[in-house]
Amino acid sequence: MALRAALGDAQNRLLEPIALAPQHDAAPRIGEVSEVARDLGVRPGMGLGEAIDICPGLSLVTPDPGRAESVREAVLVRLEGIGAEVEPGRHGEAFFSVGPLERLYESLDRVLAAAAGSLGPGARIAAAPTRLAAYAAARRSDATPGGLSREGSPPGDSSRDDGFCAPVISPERLPGYLGALPVAILTDRLSRPEADNRRLVTSLVKLGVNHLGGLADLPGDAVADRFGPLGTEARNLALGLEGPISPRPPREWIAESLELPEVASGSHLQSAVTILTDRLAGRLAGLGVSARSLTVEARLSGGGSWTRDVAPRQPTSRADLLRMILLPGLEHLPRPAEQLKLRVTGLGPGDSEQTELADRPEQTRRRRLGEAARQVRAAVGEAGLVRVLDAEAGSHLPERRLLLTPYLEQ
């Protein structure tokens, strides 16, 4: 999605070996790549020099993260418009449970047709009992209204309604379907960084495990001893063991934008930030809420955009504090800006903590821990907050003594 968004109207360039250029203030690694570049051996996250060595004809596209986020949000809103409770995925993916919608639309066929109709041409849609199976099925087919042929589509049932055709993997066929998938599909489906996932896949291939069926047949204890938690996660995916869909909570974007009369930088940009933070602080105060996390977006002269996520130490609606955390990041703008936009991506309580009449230390501690957990998630993401549990204290293997689990609020 990020590559398509950066191309804009030049979608025909997807037929060329192209990749998203590295962000100027980040590591020199390329972003998403076209299928042509992938076929030539170029992979997302690869070093720029290595990618050019592999494919000397590779063309780089200036990233436009602001446009990509707008497209992503539009996709999620459209799916929510048909009644779906959507879980945002990576790389422009979205997952939702069809169970509640089948009662509304009377059949799975009509649910998938409604989803495809809301997204328009080019959307890839599939249905399966797990995210991995649905992702694999959708990746191999262009499921759009009109019953387009899907050569090489995976084995499975097919959803057809009013000319609509999309792959559907039934629960009975799930084990066989997953078992036939190559282990390489796990590279961007596991929770660890892609480099760790790639090492796991390489090790499995060296051991002769080329498909998920072979991984599923391995004893769970042996996989855990050899590959640790990452191996266990991979085996669970191969077995079709995934958690339920976690839809995003309903949200209302609070955003302020300002068109700059002249290409701005330096003091002009600071003045624009002052105007935007004053507006945003007024809206937050009027709604009785505060900003837990924000995104600042700049539309750059000459094309492209720049974005940065920021989070204050505590939720705030004060304009001076917002300016304090936003201005340092704008020093990294690669080019002067034509437009500036502030968007609140996480909301906090509006009133400050009040003194309690009754002394209830346990409840106070629990409430403060919950608030701290929400703030950490806003700053570093879900993966940055875990709970350390004692597992086998007497084990001679360090990885068995302690166990990291997701932190769940009490």
Protein backbone atom coordinates (compact mmCIF):
# COMPACT_ATOMS: atom_id res chain seq x y z
CA MET A 1 0.00 0.00 0.00
CA ALA A 2 2.83 2.43 0.80
CA LEU A 3 4.34 1.88 -2.65
CA ARG A 4 1.00 2.32 -4.42
CA ALA A 5 0.33 5.48 -2.43
CA ALA A 6 3.73 6.93 -3.33
CA LEU A 7 3.15 6.23 -7.04
CA GLY A 8 -0.12 8.16 -7.11
CA ASP A 9 -1.46 8.14 -10.67
CA ALA A 10 1.60 6.30 -12.04
CA GLN A 11 0.37 2.84 -11.04
CA ASN A 12 1.71 1.40 -14.31
CA ARG A 13 5.19 1.63 -12.81
CA LEU A 14 4.34 -1.40 -10.69
CA LEU A 15 5.27 -3.40 -13.79
CA GLU A 16 8.87 -2.17 -13.38
CA PRO A 17 11.53 -3.08 -10.79
CA ILE A 18 10.92 -0.29 -8.27
CA ALA A 19 11.18 0.17 -4.51
CA LEU A 20 10.46 2.83 -1.92
CA ALA A 21 13.55 4.92 -1.24
CA PRO A 22 14.90 5.02 2.34
CA GLN A 23 13.69 7.79 4.60
CA HIS A 24 16.36 10.47 4.84
CA ASP A 25 16.54 10.31 8.65
CA ALA A 26 16.42 6.50 8.89
CA ALA A 27 18.71 3.58 8.09
CA PRO A 28 19.57 3.25 4.36
CA ARG A 29 17.12 0.41 3.75
CA ILE A 30 14.52 0.24 1.02
CA GLY A 31 10.81 -0.04 1.72
CA GLU A 32 8.13 -1.93 -0.18
CA VAL A 33 9.08 -3.35 -3.59
CA SER A 34 7.14 -4.23 -6.73
CA GLU A 35 6.50 -7.84 -7.67
CA VAL A 36 8.93 -7.48 -10.58
CA ALA A 37 11.69 -6.39 -8.20
CA ARG A 38 10.79 -9.20 -5.79
CA ASP A 39 11.12 -11.74 -8.59
CA LEU A 40 14.63 -10.40 -9.23
CA GLY A 41 15.62 -11.02 -5.60
CA VAL A 42 14.98 -7.61 -4.03
CA ARG A 43 13.28 -7.72 -0.63
CA PRO A 44 11.77 -5.00 1.60
CA GLY A 45 14.15 -3.93 4.37
CA MET A 46 17.22 -4.79 2.30
CA GLY A 47 20.17 -2.42 2.42
CA LEU A 48 20.20 0.09 -0.42
CA GLY A 49 23.63 -0.97 -1.69
CA GLU A 50 22.73 -4.65 -1.61
CA ALA A 51 19.48 -4.01 -3.49
CA ILE A 52 21.29 -2.07 -6.23
CA ASP A 53 23.90 -4.83 -6.54
CA ILE A 54 21.18 -7.46 -6.98
CA CYS A 55 19.13 -5.35 -9.39
CA PRO A 56 21.17 -2.57 -11.07
CA GLY A 57 18.04 -1.38 -12.90
CA LEU A 58 16.11 -0.81 -9.66
CA SER A 59 14.33 2.55 -9.55
CA LEU A 60 13.61 4.32 -6.26
CA VAL A 61 10.33 6.07 -5.48
CA THR A 62 10.12 8.91 -2.97
CA PRO A 63 8.00 7.69 -0.03
CA ASP A 64 4.78 9.47 0.83
CA PRO A 65 3.85 8.18 4.32
CA GLY A 66 1.13 10.79 4.77
CA ARG A 67 -0.74 9.65 1.67
CA ALA A 68 -0.20 6.00 2.63
CA GLU A 69 -1.76 6.57 6.05
CA SER A 70 -4.70 8.37 4.48
CA VAL A 71 -5.30 5.48 2.07
CA ARG A 72 -4.98 2.95 4.89
CA GLU A 73 -7.47 4.81 7.05
CA ALA A 74 -9.88 5.12 4.13
CA VAL A 75 -9.76 1.34 3.62
CA LEU A 76 -10.52 0.67 7.28
CA VAL A 77 -13.36 3.21 7.33
CA ARG A 78 -14.93 1.69 4.21
CA LEU A 79 -14.88 -1.79 5.74
CA GLU A 80 -16.36 -0.43 8.95
CA GLY A 81 -19.02 1.16 6.78
CA ILE A 82 -20.41 -2.28 5.86
CA GLY A 83 -20.62 -3.17 9.57
CA ALA A 84 -17.29 -4.97 9.96
CA GLU A 85 -15.25 -4.75 13.16
CA VAL A 86 -11.81 -4.37 11.61
CA GLU A 87 -8.40 -5.38 12.93
CA PRO A 88 -5.71 -3.34 11.14
CA GLY A 89 -2.91 -5.50 9.77
CA ARG A 90 0.46 -4.71 8.31
CA HIS A 91 1.29 -3.67 4.74
CA GLY A 92 -2.23 -2.46 3.98
CA GLU A 93 -3.99 -5.54 5.33
CA ALA A 94 -7.21 -5.67 7.31
CA PHE A 95 -8.96 -8.60 8.98
CA PHE A 96 -12.52 -8.94 10.24
CA SER A 97 -14.81 -11.71 11.42
CA VAL A 98 -17.58 -12.60 8.97
CA GLY A 99 -19.73 -14.40 11.55
CA PRO A 100 -21.80 -11.41 12.74
CA LEU A 101 -22.08 -10.06 9.19
CA GLU A 102 -23.46 -13.31 7.75
CA ARG A 103 -26.64 -12.74 9.74
CA LEU A 104 -26.86 -9.22 8.37
CA TYR A 105 -26.13 -10.06 4.72
CA GLU A 106 -27.68 -13.56 4.83
CA SER A 107 -24.67 -15.34 3.30
CA LEU A 108 -20.88 -15.35 3.18
CA ASP A 109 -21.05 -14.63 -0.55
CA ARG A 110 -22.81 -11.32 0.05
CA VAL A 111 -20.47 -10.34 2.87
CA LEU A 112 -17.42 -10.73 0.63
CA ALA A 113 -19.17 -9.00 -2.25
CA ALA A 114 -20.05 -6.06 0.01
CA ALA A 115 -16.45 -5.81 1.21
CA ALA A 116 -15.13 -5.88 -2.35
CA GLY A 117 -17.68 -3.33 -3.47
CA SER A 118 -16.70 -0.95 -0.68
CA LEU A 119 -13.00 -1.14 -1.54
CA GLY A 120 -13.27 -0.96 -5.31
CA PRO A 121 -11.06 -2.51 -8.01
CA GLY A 122 -7.67 -3.87 -7.04
CA ALA A 123 -8.64 -5.17 -3.59
CA ARG A 124 -7.69 -8.75 -2.81
CA ILE A 125 -10.20 -10.56 -0.62
CA ALA A 126 -10.42 -14.09 0.73
CA ALA A 127 -12.10 -15.92 3.62
CA ALA A 128 -10.51 -18.54 5.86
CA PRO A 129 -10.59 -19.67 9.50
CA THR A 130 -7.20 -18.02 10.24
CA ARG A 131 -5.43 -14.81 9.27
CA LEU A 132 -2.51 -16.67 7.69
CA ALA A 133 -4.75 -18.77 5.44
CA ALA A 134 -6.84 -15.75 4.42
CA TYR A 135 -3.69 -13.75 3.68
CA ALA A 136 -2.20 -16.53 1.55
CA ALA A 137 -5.43 -17.05 -0.38
CA ALA A 138 -5.94 -13.33 -1.01
CA ARG A 139 -2.32 -12.87 -2.02
CA ARG A 140 -2.70 -15.36 -4.86
CA SER A 141 -5.93 -13.99 -6.26
CA ASP A 142 -7.42 -10.72 -7.44
CA ALA A 143 -10.92 -11.12 -6.01
CA THR A 144 -12.99 -8.35 -7.48
CA PRO A 145 -16.54 -7.99 -8.79
CA GLY A 146 -16.82 -9.43 -12.23
CA GLY A 147 -15.64 -12.97 -11.66
CA LEU A 148 -12.06 -12.47 -12.82
CA SER A 149 -10.14 -15.68 -13.46
CA ARG A 150 -7.60 -16.60 -10.81
CA GLU A 151 -4.99 -18.82 -12.39
CA GLY A 152 -2.82 -20.52 -9.84
CA SER A 153 -5.18 -19.72 -7.00
CA PRO A 154 -4.90 -22.09 -4.03
CA PRO A 155 -7.17 -25.07 -3.66
CA GLY A 156 -10.32 -24.35 -1.72
CA ASP A 157 -13.95 -23.49 -2.08
CA SER A 158 -15.08 -20.39 -3.95
CA SER A 159 -17.54 -17.68 -3.03
CA ARG A 160 -19.75 -16.60 -5.94
CA ASP A 161 -22.57 -14.12 -5.82
CA ASP A 162 -23.72 -11.81 -8.60
CA GLY A 163 -20.57 -12.38 -10.62
CA PHE A 164 -18.27 -12.00 -7.63
CA CYS A 165 -15.57 -14.60 -7.14
CA ALA A 166 -13.28 -14.92 -4.12
CA PRO A 167 -11.39 -17.88 -2.63
CA VAL A 168 -12.86 -19.38 0.52
CA ILE A 169 -10.96 -21.93 2.61
CA SER A 170 -13.33 -24.08 4.65
CA PRO A 171 -12.38 -25.35 8.13
CA GLU A 172 -12.23 -28.92 6.82
CA ARG A 173 -9.65 -28.00 4.20
CA LEU A 174 -7.61 -25.69 6.42
CA PRO A 175 -4.96 -28.24 7.60
CA GLY A 176 -4.19 -29.38 4.08
CA TYR A 177 -4.14 -25.84 2.73
CA LEU A 178 -1.78 -24.56 5.42
CA GLY A 179 0.41 -27.64 5.11
CA ALA A 180 1.05 -26.94 1.42
CA LEU A 181 2.23 -23.36 2.01
CA PRO A 182 6.00 -22.73 1.92
CA VAL A 183 7.66 -21.80 5.20
CA ALA A 184 8.94 -18.63 3.51
CA ILE A 185 5.46 -17.13 3.98
CA LEU A 186 6.27 -16.82 7.70
CA THR A 187 8.96 -14.21 7.04
CA ASP A 188 6.57 -11.28 7.43
CA ARG A 189 3.85 -13.01 9.46
CA LEU A 190 5.68 -13.50 12.76
CA SER A 191 5.90 -10.92 15.53
CA ARG A 192 9.70 -10.56 15.58
CA PRO A 193 11.78 -8.30 13.30
CA GLU A 194 12.04 -9.58 9.75
CA ALA A 195 15.74 -10.41 10.14
CA ASP A 196 14.95 -12.83 13.01
CA ASN A 197 12.07 -14.34 11.06
CA ARG A 198 14.27 -14.84 8.01
CA ARG A 199 16.91 -16.64 10.10
CA LEU A 200 14.24 -18.98 11.42
CA VAL A 201 12.95 -19.73 7.92
CA THR A 202 16.51 -20.33 6.67
CA SER A 203 17.18 -22.76 9.53
CA LEU A 204 13.97 -24.66 8.82
CA VAL A 205 14.83 -25.00 5.13
CA LYS A 206 18.32 -26.27 6.00
CA LEU A 207 16.66 -28.92 8.17
CA GLY A 208 14.52 -29.99 5.23
CA VAL A 209 11.32 -28.32 6.45
CA ASN A 210 10.15 -26.57 3.30
CA HIS A 211 6.40 -26.42 3.94
CA LEU A 212 4.22 -25.60 6.93
CA GLY A 213 2.96 -29.18 7.02
CA GLY A 214 6.45 -30.37 7.93
CA LEU A 215 6.70 -27.75 10.66
CA ALA A 216 3.30 -28.72 12.07
CA ASP A 217 4.38 -32.38 12.25
CA LEU A 218 7.39 -31.61 14.45
CA PRO A 219 6.99 -32.17 18.22
CA GLY A 220 6.18 -28.95 20.02
CA ASP A 221 8.83 -29.49 22.73
CA ALA A 222 11.53 -30.06 20.13
CA VAL A 223 10.60 -26.88 18.26
CA ALA A 224 10.60 -24.86 21.49
CA ASP A 225 14.01 -26.22 22.54
CA ARG A 226 15.58 -25.58 19.15
CA PHE A 227 14.00 -22.25 18.16
CA GLY A 228 12.51 -20.82 21.36
CA PRO A 229 9.30 -18.74 21.48
CA LEU A 230 9.64 -17.70 17.84
CA GLY A 231 9.63 -21.34 16.74
CA THR A 232 6.58 -22.06 18.88
CA GLU A 233 4.77 -19.10 17.34
CA ALA A 234 5.63 -20.34 13.84
CA ARG A 235 4.43 -23.87 14.62
CA ASN A 236 1.14 -22.53 16.03
CA LEU A 237 0.55 -20.63 12.80
CA ALA A 238 1.26 -23.80 10.82
CA LEU A 239 -1.31 -25.64 12.96
CA GLY A 240 -3.91 -22.93 12.46
CA LEU A 241 -3.76 -21.79 16.09
CA GLU A 242 -4.34 -18.06 16.20
CA GLY A 243 -6.03 -15.70 18.60
CA PRO A 244 -9.40 -14.09 17.88
CA ILE A 245 -9.75 -10.93 15.82
CA SER A 246 -8.93 -7.80 17.85
CA PRO A 247 -10.90 -4.97 16.22
CA ARG A 248 -9.74 -1.44 16.73
CA PRO A 249 -11.91 0.66 19.05
CA PRO A 250 -14.20 3.29 17.52
CA ARG A 251 -12.37 6.56 17.10
CA GLU A 252 -12.93 10.09 15.95
CA TRP A 253 -9.91 11.80 14.45
CA ILE A 254 -9.01 15.17 15.91
CA ALA A 255 -6.80 16.93 13.40
CA GLU A 256 -5.77 20.42 12.37
CA SER A 257 -4.00 21.35 9.13
CA LEU A 258 -2.56 24.54 7.71
CA GLU A 259 -1.71 25.39 4.11
CA LEU A 260 1.48 27.43 4.13
CA PRO A 261 1.31 30.45 1.81
CA GLU A 262 4.99 30.05 0.98
CA VAL A 263 7.27 27.07 1.21
CA ALA A 264 8.14 27.21 4.90
CA SER A 265 11.08 26.27 7.07
CA GLY A 266 12.78 27.68 10.15
CA SER A 267 10.88 30.44 11.97
CA HIS A 268 7.96 30.30 9.52
CA LEU A 269 7.49 26.64 10.35
CA GLN A 270 7.59 27.39 14.08
CA SER A 271 4.85 29.97 13.61
CA ALA A 272 2.74 27.39 11.78
CA VAL A 273 3.24 24.91 14.64
CA THR A 274 2.16 27.58 17.14
CA ILE A 275 -1.07 28.19 15.22
CA LEU A 276 -1.84 24.48 14.91
CA THR A 277 -1.11 23.62 18.55
CA ASP A 278 -3.28 26.51 19.75
CA ARG A 279 -6.15 25.25 17.60
CA LEU A 280 -5.66 21.65 18.67
CA ALA A 281 -5.42 22.54 22.36
CA GLY A 282 -8.67 24.48 22.10
CA ARG A 283 -10.49 21.53 20.54
CA LEU A 284 -9.12 19.09 23.12
CA ALA A 285 -10.16 21.35 25.99
CA GLY A 286 -13.62 21.79 24.49
CA LEU A 287 -14.09 18.02 24.26
CA GLY A 288 -12.72 17.44 27.76
CA VAL A 289 -9.93 15.12 26.58
CA SER A 290 -6.15 15.20 26.21
CA ALA A 291 -3.63 13.98 23.64
CA ARG A 292 -1.90 10.70 24.47
CA SER A 293 -0.09 10.44 21.12
CA LEU A 294 0.10 12.56 17.99
CA THR A 295 1.29 12.40 14.40
CA VAL A 296 2.79 15.41 12.66
CA GLU A 297 2.69 15.32 8.87
CA ALA A 298 4.33 17.69 6.41
CA ARG A 299 3.58 17.83 2.69
CA LEU A 300 6.96 18.57 1.10
CA SER A 301 7.79 20.82 -1.79
CA GLY A 302 8.60 18.83 -4.90
CA GLY A 303 6.36 15.92 -3.88
CA GLY A 304 6.29 13.36 -1.11
CA SER A 305 5.57 13.78 2.57
CA TRP A 306 7.17 13.33 5.97
CA THR A 307 5.55 12.04 9.15
CA ARG A 308 6.63 11.52 12.73
CA ASP A 309 4.82 10.02 15.70
CA VAL A 310 5.29 11.66 19.09
CA ALA A 311 3.95 10.93 22.56
CA PRO A 312 4.22 13.14 25.65
CA ARG A 313 5.23 11.59 28.96
CA GLN A 314 1.71 12.24 30.19
CA PRO A 315 -1.49 12.98 28.24
CA THR A 316 -1.81 16.73 27.82
CA SER A 317 -4.00 19.36 26.19
CA ARG A 318 -1.62 22.27 26.82
CA ALA A 319 -0.48 24.08 23.69
CA ASP A 320 2.95 24.96 25.10
CA LEU A 321 3.74 21.33 25.94
CA LEU A 322 2.56 20.19 22.53
CA ARG A 323 4.88 22.70 20.88
CA MET A 324 7.75 21.56 23.08
CA ILE A 325 7.53 17.96 21.87
CA LEU A 326 6.72 18.76 18.22
CA LEU A 327 9.28 21.41 17.29
CA PRO A 328 12.48 19.32 17.71
CA GLY A 329 11.21 16.71 15.26
CA LEU A 330 10.60 19.28 12.54
CA GLU A 331 14.34 19.93 12.37
CA HIS A 332 14.60 16.64 10.47
CA LEU A 333 12.44 17.76 7.55
CA PRO A 334 14.30 16.82 4.35
CA ARG A 335 12.81 19.71 2.35
CA PRO A 336 10.67 22.80 3.04
CA ALA A 337 6.99 22.12 3.69
CA GLU A 338 3.93 23.25 1.77
CA GLN A 339 1.37 21.98 4.29
CA LEU A 340 1.50 21.01 7.96
CA LYS A 341 -0.98 18.75 9.74
CA LEU A 342 -1.34 17.58 13.35
CA ARG A 343 -3.46 14.54 14.15
CA VAL A 344 -4.27 13.13 17.59
CA THR A 345 -3.94 9.34 17.36
CA GLY A 346 -4.54 8.52 21.02
CA LEU A 347 -6.81 10.22 23.55
CA GLY A 348 -6.41 10.44 27.31
CA PRO A 349 -8.51 11.80 30.18
CA GLY A 350 -9.08 15.52 30.21
CA ASP A 351 -9.09 16.25 33.94
CA SER A 352 -6.07 15.94 36.19
CA GLU A 353 -5.92 13.34 38.93
CA GLN A 354 -7.84 14.43 42.03
CA THR A 355 -7.01 13.71 45.65
CA GLU A 356 -9.04 10.79 47.00
CA LEU A 357 -11.13 11.06 50.14
CA ALA A 358 -10.56 7.41 51.06
CA ASP A 359 -7.12 5.82 51.14
CA ARG A 360 -7.28 2.81 48.79
CA PRO A 361 -3.66 2.13 47.85
CA GLU A 362 -4.31 -1.07 45.87
CA GLN A 363 -6.98 0.53 43.70
CA THR A 364 -4.84 3.64 43.23
CA ARG A 365 -1.82 1.55 42.24
CA ARG A 366 -3.90 -0.53 39.82
CA ARG A 367 -5.35 2.57 38.19
CA ARG A 368 -1.95 4.21 37.85
CA LEU A 369 -0.45 1.03 36.39
CA GLY A 370 -3.24 0.89 33.84
CA GLU A 371 -2.69 4.51 32.85
CA ALA A 372 1.08 3.94 32.61
CA ALA A 373 0.51 0.87 30.44
CA ARG A 374 -1.73 2.80 28.05
CA GLN A 375 0.88 5.55 27.76
CA VAL A 376 3.71 3.07 27.06
CA ARG A 377 1.63 1.42 24.34
CA ALA A 378 0.98 4.82 22.78
CA ALA A 379 4.70 5.65 22.79
CA VAL A 380 6.35 2.37 21.70
CA GLY A 381 3.55 0.11 20.51
CA GLU A 382 1.94 -3.08 21.78
CA ALA A 383 5.15 -5.12 21.51
CA GLY A 384 7.00 -2.77 23.86
CA LEU A 385 4.99 -3.77 26.94
CA VAL A 386 5.34 -7.30 28.32
CA ARG A 387 5.06 -9.04 31.67
CA VAL A 388 7.93 -11.16 33.03
CA LEU A 389 6.73 -14.37 34.68
CA ASP A 390 8.68 -16.99 36.59
CA ALA A 391 8.49 -20.24 34.63
CA GLU A 392 11.09 -22.85 35.63
CA ALA A 393 13.34 -21.16 38.16
CA GLY A 394 15.55 -24.22 38.55
CA SER A 395 16.13 -24.82 34.85
CA HIS A 396 19.69 -24.69 33.52
CA LEU A 397 18.38 -23.11 30.31
CA PRO A 398 18.06 -19.31 30.72
CA GLU A 399 15.19 -19.07 28.25
CA ARG A 400 13.11 -21.43 30.43
CA ARG A 401 13.57 -19.59 33.71
CA LEU A 402 11.53 -16.56 32.73
CA LEU A 403 8.65 -16.15 30.32
CA LEU A 404 7.57 -12.99 28.51
CA THR A 405 3.82 -12.63 28.03
CA PRO A 406 1.62 -9.75 26.83
CA TYR A 407 0.77 -7.30 29.59
CA LEU A 408 -2.96 -7.37 30.27
CA GLU A 409 -4.52 -4.68 32.42
CA GLN A 410 -6.07 -5.99 35.61
